[in-house]
Protein backbone atom coordinates (compact mmCIF):
# COMPACT_ATOMS: atom_id res chain seq x y z
CA UNK A 1 0.00 0.00 0.00
CA UNK A 2 2.90 2.37 0.75
CA UNK A 3 4.09 2.20 -2.87
CA UNK A 4 0.68 2.89 -4.40
CA UNK A 5 -0.23 6.31 -5.73
CA UNK A 6 -3.39 8.20 -4.71
CA UNK A 7 -5.25 7.13 -7.85
CA UNK A 8 -4.34 3.48 -7.36
CA UNK A 9 -5.40 3.60 -3.72
CA UNK A 10 -8.72 5.18 -4.72
CA UNK A 11 -9.37 2.45 -7.28
CA UNK A 12 -8.38 -0.22 -4.79
CA UNK A 13 -10.70 1.27 -2.17
CA UNK A 14 -13.61 1.43 -4.63
CA UNK A 15 -12.97 -2.15 -5.76
CA UNK A 16 -13.00 -3.29 -2.14
CA UNK A 17 -16.34 -1.67 -1.31
CA UNK A 18 -19.23 -4.02 -0.66
CA UNK A 19 -21.53 -2.23 -3.09
CA UNK A 20 -18.93 -2.54 -5.87
CA UNK A 21 -18.52 -6.26 -5.29
CA UNK A 22 -22.28 -6.84 -5.09
CA UNK A 23 -22.97 -4.88 -8.26
CA UNK A 24 -20.05 -6.54 -10.06
CA UNK A 25 -21.42 -9.94 -9.12
CA UNK A 26 -24.84 -8.86 -10.36
CA UNK A 27 -23.40 -7.46 -13.60
CA UNK A 28 -21.32 -10.59 -14.20
CA UNK A 29 -24.42 -12.71 -13.60
CA UNK A 30 -26.32 -10.67 -16.19
CA UNK A 31 -23.43 -10.91 -18.64
CA UNK A 32 -23.30 -14.67 -18.11
CA UNK A 33 -27.05 -14.82 -18.71
CA UNK A 34 -26.67 -12.78 -21.90
CA UNK A 35 -23.74 -14.95 -22.96
CA UNK A 36 -25.85 -18.05 -22.44
CA UNK A 37 -28.85 -16.49 -24.17
CA UNK A 38 -26.95 -15.52 -27.34
CA UNK A 39 -26.40 -19.14 -28.56
CA UNK A 40 -30.01 -19.99 -27.74
CA UNK A 41 -31.22 -16.85 -29.47
CA UNK A 42 -28.98 -17.66 -32.45
CA UNK A 43 -30.34 -21.22 -32.66
CA UNK A 44 -33.97 -20.09 -32.47
CA UNK A 45 -33.35 -17.32 -34.99
CA UNK A 46 -31.75 -19.78 -37.42
CA UNK A 47 -34.72 -22.07 -37.01
CA UNK A 48 -37.06 -19.19 -37.77
CA UNK A 49 -35.00 -18.29 -40.85
CA UNK A 50 -35.03 -21.89 -42.06
CA UNK A 51 -38.79 -22.13 -41.62
CA UNK A 52 -39.30 -18.92 -43.58
CA UNK A 53 -36.98 -20.18 -46.33
CA UNK A 54 -38.87 -23.48 -46.48
CA UNK A 55 -42.10 -21.52 -46.92
CA UNK A 56 -40.54 -19.48 -49.74
CA UNK A 57 -39.31 -22.67 -51.41
CA UNK A 58 -42.78 -24.19 -51.21
CA UNK A 59 -44.29 -21.07 -52.79
CA UNK A 60 -41.86 -21.19 -55.70
CA UNK A 61 -42.45 -24.91 -56.14
CA UNK A 62 -46.21 -24.40 -56.01
CA UNK A 63 -45.92 -21.81 -58.77
CA UNK A 64 -44.13 -24.42 -60.88
CA UNK A 65 -46.66 -27.11 -59.95
CA UNK A 66 -49.58 -24.96 -61.12
CA UNK A 67 -47.92 -24.32 -64.47
CA UNK A 68 -46.86 -27.95 -64.75
CA UNK A 69 -50.36 -29.21 -63.98
CA UNK A 70 -51.84 -26.97 -66.68
CA UNK A 71 -49.26 -28.23 -69.19
CA UNK A 72 -49.79 -31.87 -68.15
CA UNK A 73 -53.50 -31.63 -68.99
CA UNK A 74 -52.48 -31.30 -72.66
CA UNK A 75 -51.34 -34.95 -72.48
CA UNK A 76 -47.82 -34.50 -73.79
CA UNK A 77 -46.34 -37.78 -74.99
CA UNK A 78 -42.65 -37.15 -75.63
CA UNK A 79 -39.63 -36.17 -73.60
CA UNK A 80 -38.98 -33.43 -76.12
CA UNK A 81 -42.25 -31.77 -75.14
CA UNK A 82 -41.24 -31.95 -71.45
CA UNK A 83 -37.83 -30.49 -72.19
CA UNK A 84 -39.39 -27.67 -74.17
CA UNK A 85 -41.79 -26.90 -71.31
CA UNK A 86 -38.93 -26.85 -68.77
CA UNK A 87 -36.82 -24.55 -70.93
CA UNK A 88 -39.69 -22.10 -71.39
CA UNK A 89 -40.56 -22.08 -67.68
CA UNK A 90 -36.99 -21.57 -66.47
CA UNK A 91 -36.49 -18.78 -68.98
CA UNK A 92 -39.42 -16.90 -67.46
CA UNK A 93 -38.53 -17.67 -63.80
CA UNK A 94 -36.54 -15.22 -61.67
CA UNK A 95 -35.63 -16.96 -58.35
CA UNK A 96 -35.21 -15.13 -55.06
CA UNK A 97 -31.68 -14.40 -53.79
CA UNK A 98 -29.73 -17.57 -53.00
CA UNK A 99 -32.52 -19.70 -54.53
CA UNK A 100 -31.74 -22.15 -57.35
CA UNK A 101 -34.10 -24.13 -59.62
CA UNK A 102 -32.50 -27.36 -60.87
CA UNK A 103 -34.02 -29.90 -63.26
CA UNK A 104 -32.90 -33.51 -63.69
CA UNK A 105 -34.24 -35.52 -66.66
CA UNK A 106 -33.71 -39.22 -67.26
CA UNK A 107 -31.16 -39.39 -64.46
CA UNK A 108 -29.03 -36.58 -65.86
CA UNK A 109 -28.59 -32.92 -65.06
CA UNK A 110 -30.67 -30.97 -67.57
CA UNK A 111 -30.81 -27.27 -66.74
CA UNK A 112 -30.89 -24.72 -63.91
CA UNK A 113 -31.67 -21.12 -63.17
CA UNK A 114 -29.55 -19.28 -62.57
CA UNK A 115 -27.21 -21.22 -64.77
CA UNK A 116 -24.14 -20.54 -62.61
CA UNK A 117 -24.45 -22.91 -59.68
CA UNK A 118 -22.39 -22.88 -56.47
CA UNK A 119 -19.97 -25.71 -56.01
CA UNK A 120 -22.20 -27.51 -53.55
CA UNK A 121 -24.96 -27.74 -56.20
CA UNK A 122 -22.69 -28.68 -59.11
CA UNK A 123 -23.98 -31.64 -61.21
CA UNK A 124 -21.19 -33.94 -60.08
CA UNK A 125 -21.70 -33.44 -56.31
CA UNK A 126 -23.01 -36.20 -54.09
CA UNK A 127 -26.11 -34.15 -53.31
CA UNK A 128 -27.16 -33.76 -56.94
CA UNK A 129 -26.17 -37.34 -57.73
CA UNK A 130 -28.47 -38.46 -54.92
CA UNK A 131 -31.39 -36.60 -56.44
CA UNK A 132 -31.16 -38.74 -59.60
CA UNK A 133 -32.59 -41.76 -57.84
CA UNK A 134 -35.57 -39.95 -56.29
CA UNK A 135 -38.94 -41.15 -57.56
CA UNK A 136 -41.16 -39.10 -55.28
CA UNK A 137 -41.37 -35.53 -54.00
CA UNK A 138 -39.16 -34.84 -50.97
CA UNK A 139 -37.84 -32.08 -48.71
CA UNK A 140 -34.26 -32.02 -47.46
CA UNK A 141 -31.61 -30.24 -45.41
CA UNK A 142 -27.84 -30.49 -45.71
CA UNK A 143 -25.26 -28.81 -43.46
CA UNK A 144 -22.12 -27.69 -45.25
CA UNK A 145 -18.80 -26.89 -43.59
CA UNK A 146 -18.22 -23.94 -45.92
CA UNK A 147 -19.42 -20.76 -44.10
CA UNK A 148 -20.08 -19.15 -47.48
CA UNK A 149 -22.77 -21.79 -48.05
CA UNK A 150 -24.11 -22.45 -44.57
CA UNK A 151 -26.64 -25.14 -45.34
CA UNK A 152 -28.73 -26.33 -48.29
CA UNK A 153 -32.50 -26.48 -47.98
CA UNK A 154 -34.46 -27.99 -50.85
CA UNK A 155 -37.87 -29.27 -51.94
CA UNK A 156 -38.71 -31.16 -55.13
CA UNK A 157 -41.42 -32.28 -57.57
CA UNK A 158 -41.35 -35.48 -59.71
CA UNK A 159 -41.77 -34.91 -63.48
CA UNK A 160 -43.81 -37.45 -65.50
CA UNK A 161 -44.92 -38.10 -69.07
CA UNK A 162 -47.68 -40.61 -69.75
CA UNK A 163 -47.59 -41.52 -66.06
CA UNK A 164 -43.91 -42.51 -66.19
CA UNK A 165 -41.38 -40.65 -63.94
CA UNK A 166 -38.94 -38.81 -66.17
CA UNK A 167 -37.11 -36.50 -63.83
CA UNK A 168 -37.09 -34.18 -60.83
CA UNK A 169 -37.67 -30.44 -60.41
CA UNK A 170 -35.72 -29.12 -57.37
CA UNK A 171 -35.92 -25.71 -55.70
CA UNK A 172 -32.87 -25.21 -53.41
CA UNK A 173 -31.65 -22.42 -51.15
CA UNK A 174 -28.26 -21.60 -49.59
CA UNK A 175 -28.76 -20.21 -46.07
CA UNK A 176 -25.44 -18.36 -45.62
CA UNK A 177 -26.79 -14.96 -46.67
CA UNK A 178 -29.91 -15.20 -44.52
CA UNK A 179 -27.86 -16.34 -41.57
CA UNK A 180 -25.37 -13.51 -41.96
CA UNK A 181 -28.22 -11.05 -41.69
CA UNK A 182 -29.58 -12.90 -38.66
CA UNK A 183 -26.15 -12.98 -37.00
CA UNK A 184 -25.80 -9.25 -37.54
CA UNK A 185 -28.99 -8.82 -35.53
CA UNK A 186 -27.65 -11.13 -32.82
CA UNK A 187 -24.43 -9.14 -32.57
CA UNK A 188 -26.35 -5.88 -32.34
CA UNK A 189 -28.48 -7.37 -29.58
CA UNK A 190 -25.39 -8.53 -27.66
CA UNK A 191 -23.71 -5.12 -27.97
CA UNK A 192 -26.83 -3.29 -26.84
CA UNK A 193 -27.30 -5.71 -23.91
CA UNK A 194 -23.70 -5.24 -22.75
CA UNK A 195 -24.02 -1.47 -23.04
CA UNK A 196 -27.29 -1.43 -21.11
CA UNK A 197 -25.78 -3.62 -18.38
CA UNK A 198 -22.75 -1.34 -18.10
CA UNK A 199 -24.95 1.76 -17.90
CA UNK A 200 -27.23 0.10 -15.35
CA UNK A 201 -24.17 -0.88 -13.30
CA UNK A 202 -22.93 2.71 -13.17
CA UNK A 203 -26.36 4.09 -12.27
CA UNK A 204 -26.88 1.42 -9.61
CA UNK A 205 -23.40 2.04 -8.20
CA UNK A 206 -24.17 5.74 -7.79
CA UNK A 207 -27.64 5.06 -6.33
CA UNK A 208 -26.30 2.47 -3.89
CA UNK A 209 -24.21 5.19 -2.24
CA UNK A 210 -27.39 6.61 -0.75
CA UNK A 211 -28.98 3.22 -0.11
CA UNK A 212 -25.96 2.05 1.88
CA UNK A 213 -25.68 5.30 3.85
CA UNK A 214 -26.90 3.57 7.07
CA UNK A 215 -24.04 1.07 6.79
CA UNK A 216 -21.53 3.90 6.41
CA UNK A 217 -23.10 5.68 9.39
CA UNK A 218 -22.81 2.44 11.33
CA UNK A 219 -19.08 2.26 10.56
CA UNK A 220 -18.60 5.91 11.55
CA UNK A 221 -20.53 5.37 14.77
CA UNK A 222 -18.49 2.27 15.59
CA UNK A 223 -15.24 4.20 15.05
CA UNK A 224 -16.41 7.08 17.24
CA UNK A 225 -17.44 4.86 20.15
CA UNK A 226 -15.08 4.67 23.09
CA UNK A 227 -15.30 3.61 26.72
CA UNK A 228 -15.91 7.21 27.75
CA UNK A 229 -18.50 7.97 25.05
CA UNK A 230 -21.16 5.36 24.33
CA UNK A 231 -23.91 7.83 23.48
CA UNK A 232 -23.67 7.67 19.66
CA UNK A 233 -26.82 6.28 18.01
CA UNK A 234 -27.97 5.85 14.42
CA UNK A 235 -30.95 7.62 12.91
CA UNK A 236 -33.59 5.08 11.87
CA UNK A 237 -35.41 5.87 8.64
CA UNK A 238 -38.11 3.87 6.91
CA UNK A 239 -38.26 0.11 7.11
CA UNK A 240 -36.43 -2.86 5.68
CA UNK A 241 -33.16 -4.60 6.45
CA UNK A 242 -31.02 -1.45 6.82
CA UNK A 243 -33.54 0.18 9.14
CA UNK A 244 -33.66 -3.04 11.15
CA UNK A 245 -29.85 -3.03 11.25
CA UNK A 246 -29.91 0.52 12.65
CA UNK A 247 -32.47 -0.44 15.28
CA UNK A 248 -30.47 -3.53 16.24
CA UNK A 249 -27.28 -1.46 16.51
CA UNK A 250 -29.00 1.13 18.71
CA UNK A 251 -30.46 -1.60 20.91
CA UNK A 252 -27.02 -3.22 21.19
CA UNK A 253 -25.44 0.10 22.15
CA UNK A 254 -28.14 0.63 24.77
CA UNK A 255 -27.23 -2.73 26.29
CA UNK A 256 -23.50 -2.00 26.06
CA UNK A 257 -23.92 1.42 27.64
CA UNK A 258 -26.09 -0.05 30.38
CA UNK A 259 -23.51 -2.78 30.99
CA UNK A 260 -20.67 -0.25 31.16
CA UNK A 261 -22.63 1.96 33.52
CA UNK A 262 -23.55 -1.02 35.67
CA UNK A 263 -19.92 -2.14 35.73
CA UNK A 264 -18.74 1.37 36.59
CA UNK A 265 -21.35 1.69 39.33
CA UNK A 266 -20.49 -1.77 40.59
CA UNK A 267 -16.80 -0.89 40.86
CA UNK A 268 -17.55 2.45 42.50
CA UNK A 269 -20.00 0.93 44.98
CA UNK A 270 -17.78 -2.05 45.71
CA UNK A 271 -14.83 0.27 46.28
CA UNK A 272 -16.94 2.42 48.56
CA UNK A 273 -18.20 -0.59 50.52
CA UNK A 274 -14.61 -1.76 51.06
CA UNK A 275 -13.13 1.68 51.63
CA UNK A 276 -15.64 2.69 54.34
CA UNK A 277 -14.85 -0.09 56.84
CA UNK A 278 -11.12 0.25 56.16
CA UNK A 279 -11.36 3.98 56.91
CA UNK A 280 -13.27 3.24 60.12
CA UNK A 281 -10.69 0.66 61.19
CA UNK A 282 -7.76 2.94 60.37
CA UNK A 283 -9.30 5.92 62.13
CA UNK A 284 -10.07 4.05 65.36
CA UNK A 285 -6.65 2.37 65.42
CA UNK A 286 -4.92 5.73 64.99
CA UNK A 287 -6.72 7.29 67.98
CA UNK A 288 -6.72 4.17 70.15
CA UNK A 289 -5.14 4.87 73.54
CA UNK A 290 -3.59 2.66 76.21
CA UNK A 291 -6.76 2.34 78.25
CA UNK A 292 -7.85 -1.33 78.33
CA UNK A 293 -11.53 -0.45 77.95
CA UNK A 294 -10.75 1.78 74.98
CA UNK A 295 -8.66 -0.98 73.39
CA UNK A 296 -11.44 -3.53 73.94
CA UNK A 297 -14.06 -1.23 72.38
CA UNK A 298 -11.79 -0.49 69.43
CA UNK A 299 -11.03 -4.18 68.94
CA UNK A 300 -14.75 -5.03 68.99
CA UNK A 301 -15.45 -2.33 66.39
CA UNK A 302 -12.57 -3.53 64.20
CA UNK A 303 -13.81 -7.12 64.36
CA UNK A 304 -17.34 -5.97 63.47
CA UNK A 305 -16.07 -4.09 60.42
CA UNK A 306 -13.91 -7.03 59.38
CA UNK A 307 -16.94 -9.31 59.69
CA UNK A 308 -18.94 -6.90 57.53
CA UNK A 309 -16.18 -6.93 54.92
CA UNK A 310 -16.14 -10.72 55.07
CA UNK A 311 -19.91 -10.88 54.50
CA UNK A 312 -19.55 -8.48 51.60
CA UNK A 313 -16.81 -10.62 50.03
CA UNK A 314 -18.93 -13.73 50.55
CA UNK A 315 -21.90 -12.08 48.84
CA UNK A 316 -19.76 -11.05 45.88
CA UNK A 317 -18.38 -14.58 45.64
CA UNK A 318 -21.89 -16.03 45.70
CA UNK A 319 -23.00 -13.75 42.87
CA UNK A 320 -19.91 -14.72 40.87
CA UNK A 321 -20.56 -18.43 41.48
CA UNK A 322 -24.08 -18.01 40.13
CA UNK A 323 -22.55 -17.85 36.65
CA UNK A 324 -21.14 -21.38 37.05
CA UNK A 325 -23.10 -24.45 35.87
CA UNK A 326 -22.63 -26.22 39.23
CA UNK A 327 -24.03 -23.32 41.26
CA UNK A 328 -26.99 -25.42 42.47
CA UNK A 329 -26.84 -28.70 44.34
CA UNK A 330 -30.34 -30.07 43.78
CA UNK A 331 -32.17 -32.31 46.21
CA UNK A 332 -35.72 -33.21 47.16
CA UNK A 333 -37.21 -30.81 49.71
CA UNK A 334 -40.45 -31.24 51.69
CA UNK A 335 -42.08 -27.84 51.37
CA UNK A 336 -43.85 -27.80 54.75
CA UNK A 337 -40.83 -29.04 56.74
CA UNK A 338 -38.52 -26.64 54.93
CA UNK A 339 -40.81 -23.70 55.69
CA UNK A 340 -40.85 -24.60 59.37
CA UNK A 341 -37.05 -24.93 59.44
CA UNK A 342 -36.65 -21.47 57.96
CA UNK A 343 -39.15 -20.01 60.42
CA UNK A 344 -37.15 -21.35 63.36
CA UNK A 345 -34.00 -19.70 61.99
CA UNK A 346 -35.48 -16.31 61.14
CA UNK A 347 -37.44 -15.87 64.36
CA UNK A 348 -34.23 -15.12 66.26
CA UNK A 349 -32.95 -12.47 63.83
CA UNK A 350 -34.67 -9.58 65.60
CA UNK A 351 -37.32 -8.73 68.17
CA UNK A 352 -40.36 -8.76 65.90
CA UNK A 353 -43.81 -10.32 65.87
CA UNK A 354 -42.83 -13.40 63.88
CA UNK A 355 -45.68 -15.44 62.42
CA UNK A 356 -45.79 -18.75 60.55
CA UNK A 357 -48.32 -18.63 57.72
CA UNK A 358 -49.71 -21.47 55.62
CA UNK A 359 -47.55 -24.46 54.75
CA UNK A 360 -47.31 -25.83 51.24
CA UNK A 361 -47.84 -29.52 50.57
CA UNK A 362 -45.73 -32.01 48.69
CA UNK A 363 -42.09 -31.86 47.68
CA UNK A 364 -39.98 -29.68 45.43
CA UNK A 365 -36.54 -30.00 43.83
CA UNK A 366 -34.06 -27.28 44.71
CA UNK A 367 -30.84 -26.27 46.44
CA UNK A 368 -31.65 -26.23 50.15
CA UNK A 369 -28.63 -24.10 51.09
CA UNK A 370 -29.24 -21.44 48.40
CA UNK A 371 -32.97 -21.22 49.13
CA UNK A 372 -32.27 -20.95 52.86
CA UNK A 373 -29.86 -18.08 52.23
CA UNK A 374 -32.39 -16.31 49.99
CA UNK A 375 -35.21 -16.55 52.55
CA UNK A 376 -32.87 -15.45 55.37
CA UNK A 377 -31.95 -12.41 53.27
CA UNK A 378 -35.64 -11.58 52.83
CA UNK A 379 -36.31 -12.01 56.54
CA UNK A 380 -33.26 -9.92 57.47
CA UNK A 381 -34.36 -7.24 55.02
CA UNK A 382 -37.84 -7.25 56.58
CA UNK A 383 -36.44 -6.93 60.11
CA UNK A 384 -34.35 -3.92 59.05
CA UNK A 385 -37.45 -2.07 57.86
CA UNK A 386 -39.81 -2.83 60.71
CA UNK A 387 -40.23 -1.95 64.38
CA UNK A 388 -40.55 -4.39 67.30
CA UNK A 389 -44.32 -3.98 67.17
CA UNK A 390 -44.50 -4.89 63.47
CA UNK A 391 -45.28 -8.40 62.29
CA UNK A 392 -43.25 -10.52 59.86
CA UNK A 393 -44.88 -13.60 58.36
CA UNK A 394 -43.19 -16.52 56.65
CA UNK A 395 -45.27 -19.00 54.65
CA UNK A 396 -45.51 -21.24 51.63
CA UNK A 397 -48.08 -22.75 49.31
CA UNK A 398 -48.11 -25.04 46.28
CA UNK A 399 -50.27 -24.35 43.26
CA UNK A 400 -50.13 -26.59 40.22
CA UNK A 401 -46.49 -27.17 39.32
CA UNK A 402 -45.15 -24.17 41.28
CA UNK A 403 -44.34 -23.42 44.90
CA UNK A 404 -44.57 -19.95 46.46
CA UNK A 405 -42.38 -19.01 49.46
CA UNK A 406 -43.02 -15.58 50.92
CA UNK A 407 -41.92 -13.15 53.59
CA UNK A 408 -44.54 -10.51 54.47
CA UNK A 409 -44.00 -7.57 56.83
CA UNK A 410 -46.06 -4.62 58.06
CA UNK A 411 -43.16 -2.18 57.93
CA UNK A 412 -42.48 1.02 56.03
CA UNK A 413 -43.06 -0.34 52.53
CA UNK A 414 -41.27 0.60 49.30
CA UNK A 415 -42.08 3.43 46.90
CA UNK A 416 -43.18 2.37 43.37
CA UNK A 417 -40.19 4.19 41.87
CA UNK A 418 -37.80 2.02 43.90
CA UNK A 419 -39.48 -1.36 43.44
CA UNK A 420 -37.94 -2.12 40.04
CA UNK A 421 -34.36 -1.27 41.03
CA UNK A 422 -33.97 -2.68 44.54
CA UNK A 423 -33.05 -6.08 43.07
CA UNK A 424 -30.02 -4.56 41.35
CA UNK A 425 -26.63 -4.90 42.97
CA UNK A 426 -25.85 -2.17 45.51
CA UNK A 427 -29.35 -0.73 45.07
CA UNK A 428 -31.12 0.83 48.05
CA UNK A 429 -34.50 2.44 48.35
CA UNK A 430 -33.73 6.15 48.40
CA UNK A 431 -36.48 7.19 50.80
CA UNK A 432 -35.79 4.60 53.49
CA UNK A 433 -33.44 4.97 56.40
CA UNK A 434 -31.51 1.75 56.67
CA UNK A 435 -30.53 0.63 60.09
CA UNK A 436 -27.92 -1.77 58.75
CA UNK A 437 -24.80 -1.00 56.82
CA UNK A 438 -25.48 -3.69 54.23
CA UNK A 439 -23.89 -3.45 50.83
CA UNK A 440 -27.17 -3.72 48.96
CA UNK A 441 -26.48 -7.22 47.66
CA UNK A 442 -29.10 -9.16 49.62
CA UNK A 443 -32.02 -8.75 47.21
CA UNK A 444 -29.69 -9.20 44.22
CA UNK A 445 -28.71 -12.57 45.71
CA UNK A 446 -32.39 -13.46 46.22
CA UNK A 447 -33.13 -12.68 42.57
CA UNK A 448 -30.11 -14.69 41.39
CA UNK A 449 -31.11 -17.75 43.43
CA UNK A 450 -34.69 -17.58 42.13
CA UNK A 451 -33.61 -17.26 38.51
CA UNK A 452 -31.09 -20.09 38.87
CA UNK A 453 -34.08 -22.26 39.89
CA UNK A 454 -35.87 -21.00 36.75
CA UNK A 455 -38.17 -18.96 38.96
CA UNK A 456 -38.87 -15.32 39.75
CA UNK A 457 -39.24 -12.93 42.67
CA UNK A 458 -42.51 -11.05 43.06
CA UNK A 459 -42.85 -7.86 45.10
CA UNK A 460 -46.04 -6.33 46.42
CA UNK A 461 -45.55 -3.19 48.50
CA UNK A 462 -47.11 0.11 49.48
CA UNK A 463 -45.60 2.91 51.50
CA UNK A 464 -46.74 2.64 55.10
CA UNK A 465 -48.41 -0.74 54.57
CA UNK A 466 -45.44 -3.11 54.41
CA UNK A 467 -44.07 -5.40 51.73
CA UNK A 468 -44.42 -8.98 50.54
CA UNK A 469 -41.53 -10.72 48.77
CA UNK A 470 -42.48 -14.04 47.12
CA UNK A 471 -40.22 -16.64 45.55
CA UNK A 472 -42.17 -18.32 42.72
CA UNK A 473 -40.35 -21.54 41.81
CA UNK A 474 -41.13 -24.63 39.73
CA UNK A 475 -41.57 -27.79 41.81
CA UNK A 476 -39.11 -29.59 39.53
CA UNK A 477 -36.89 -27.27 37.45
CA UNK A 478 -35.84 -28.85 34.18
CA UNK A 479 -32.13 -29.06 33.26
CA UNK A 480 -29.86 -27.42 32.46
CA UNK A 481 -29.83 -25.47 35.70
CA UNK A 482 -28.16 -22.26 34.73
CA UNK A 483 -29.08 -18.83 36.01
């Protein structure tokens, strides 16, 4: 490329464009079609010419037959009378171009018009010699290698006197002239077709510049996109494949931008969640004195922050493991017994009015450890948003091929604007004061566990009236078990 001039590089760029290659392929296909059509067209045209020539030959022979029939009614009796009739008729006959009238009498060449015959119709040729033995009217066709002749088409009439065959009257035609005229038309057609294809190619190449504008915009947008600027979108116009491509690109960029923003927020929030306890630990250690009580209080605070960091790391690890195919260890679980086990565990989380609701019947297939962790997260979340006088209910029910496990509280509730986002990682309801210093991963873990069981999490909540979180799971999730 370095050694190419500007003009060569321009031609190389144009030749490499998709529109050029598509149109070239289309033009070559048309040229191939024209190239294949020319021999067919030539063959059909030659057939049409031969049929027209045969008709002309029949007309000339019919003119002779009418005159011959009128003469034959005079009951001529001698060969001399027949010869005289033939001489008079040929003298008055003017054949069409490339037509020849030839008469054979008593097995010998007698006369022709015009008198000068081409070599292929000379009296001593195999063709004329073969006519000597004919005793009935016939039509024939003979291909000749000489391009000046082309082929010989002929038709004939038997000559008789007193009912005895005496000779043959032949009207023949050489097709070379007719075919040359036909070929000239074929060549004109081919030249016009090639010219039209070339003109159509140029016009289509220019028009395709505008048609492929969305693709060029797509390339420009892709080149302008960077990690710090994902806002570029394509303008969607009309319908069709290119408009659908623009819509698909915009949708993809929306997902990419959302993923980048989520990743950025995740890193920022994760850094904040780790930085805060480290700052607390560092600050208390720096001001810690020699007093034993002060040291004990500082040590307790440090251990609490370390434990919080450990829980945070465990939650992150759990979310990362959810992407693995062996995230779930499935087993058969009795719904009622499992609900009671969870109730025993959650009732000691906080001083609340804990209640055990209905118990589902039958068994389900699931990961007992993951489901226990999800329900404990829901119960812990409920205890953080309720007062000691509020009630928290845990229950389950089976309906058809699904099981529903719920945690219902009478706490502060969640605003509608927050309900869709609280299941995101590090999300917190903006209007709620949180008593805990959780990292905002609990509900994200609940959602991940539910989805890994091919289920969902339902939320029903109103401000001031409490919330109900429900795990809706299939009794027997079908493989593969991937989140």
